[in-house]
Amino acid sequence: MSNLILASQSPRRKELLQQIQLSFSVISSTVEETFSPDLTPHEVVMYLARKKAKEISNQYPAHYVIGSDTVVAKDDRILGKPESKEEAKEMLSMLSGSTHSVYTGVAILHGDAEELFYEKTDVTFWELTSKEIDDYIASEEPFDKAGSYGIQGIGAKFVKEIKGDYFSVVGLPISRVNRVLLKMGYLQPE
């Protein structure tokens, strides 16, 4: 087993870490993703990222453990994964022709050392027609995605503008993760 563990079942996060050629193991966290409704979106993602990483770090304290969580927020209202076609349509209609924010929180734990941070990326959608929304929902892509869309998939065609870290919207700000792993001593500077 690698000394670096990704505490996530997300195939997108796994692909992103592979993209920067890190050797790691995947052990999915089983914590419930519950949080206080008083938390702001950035507090939610950091809280959940730490909760996920802590569960796995408690089992493997000598390893570096990465936990992460991503939410889509419109006017500070968190939009989770849709549970129905109607909910997906409501979310996509809300995002149509406007700007929303995607927050990704990351916790990297190693023994007693802990680095916790988040990235906020603003995403602006084109004005979407009802047909575009219905066709997208029919693709089934929205159903395992926060905010009902995947920027790395078919949902990319809705994106007019992005301000911030694209990879954070996909699920993991890999450049910053790399920098933090350097700072924590997991990676050695070249």
Foldseek 3Di string as FASTA:
>chain_A
DDLEEEQDPDPLVVVLVVVVPDDYYYHHFPDDLDDDPPDFQQRSFQVQQCVSQVVVCVVVQQGKYKGKDKFKADPRRTFAADPDLVSLLVLVQSQAQAKIKMKMWMWIHHRPDIDIDMWIKIWHFYHDDPVRSVVLVVVVQQRHAHSRDACVPPRVVGTPDMGTQPSVSNIDSSVVVVVVCCVVPVDPDD
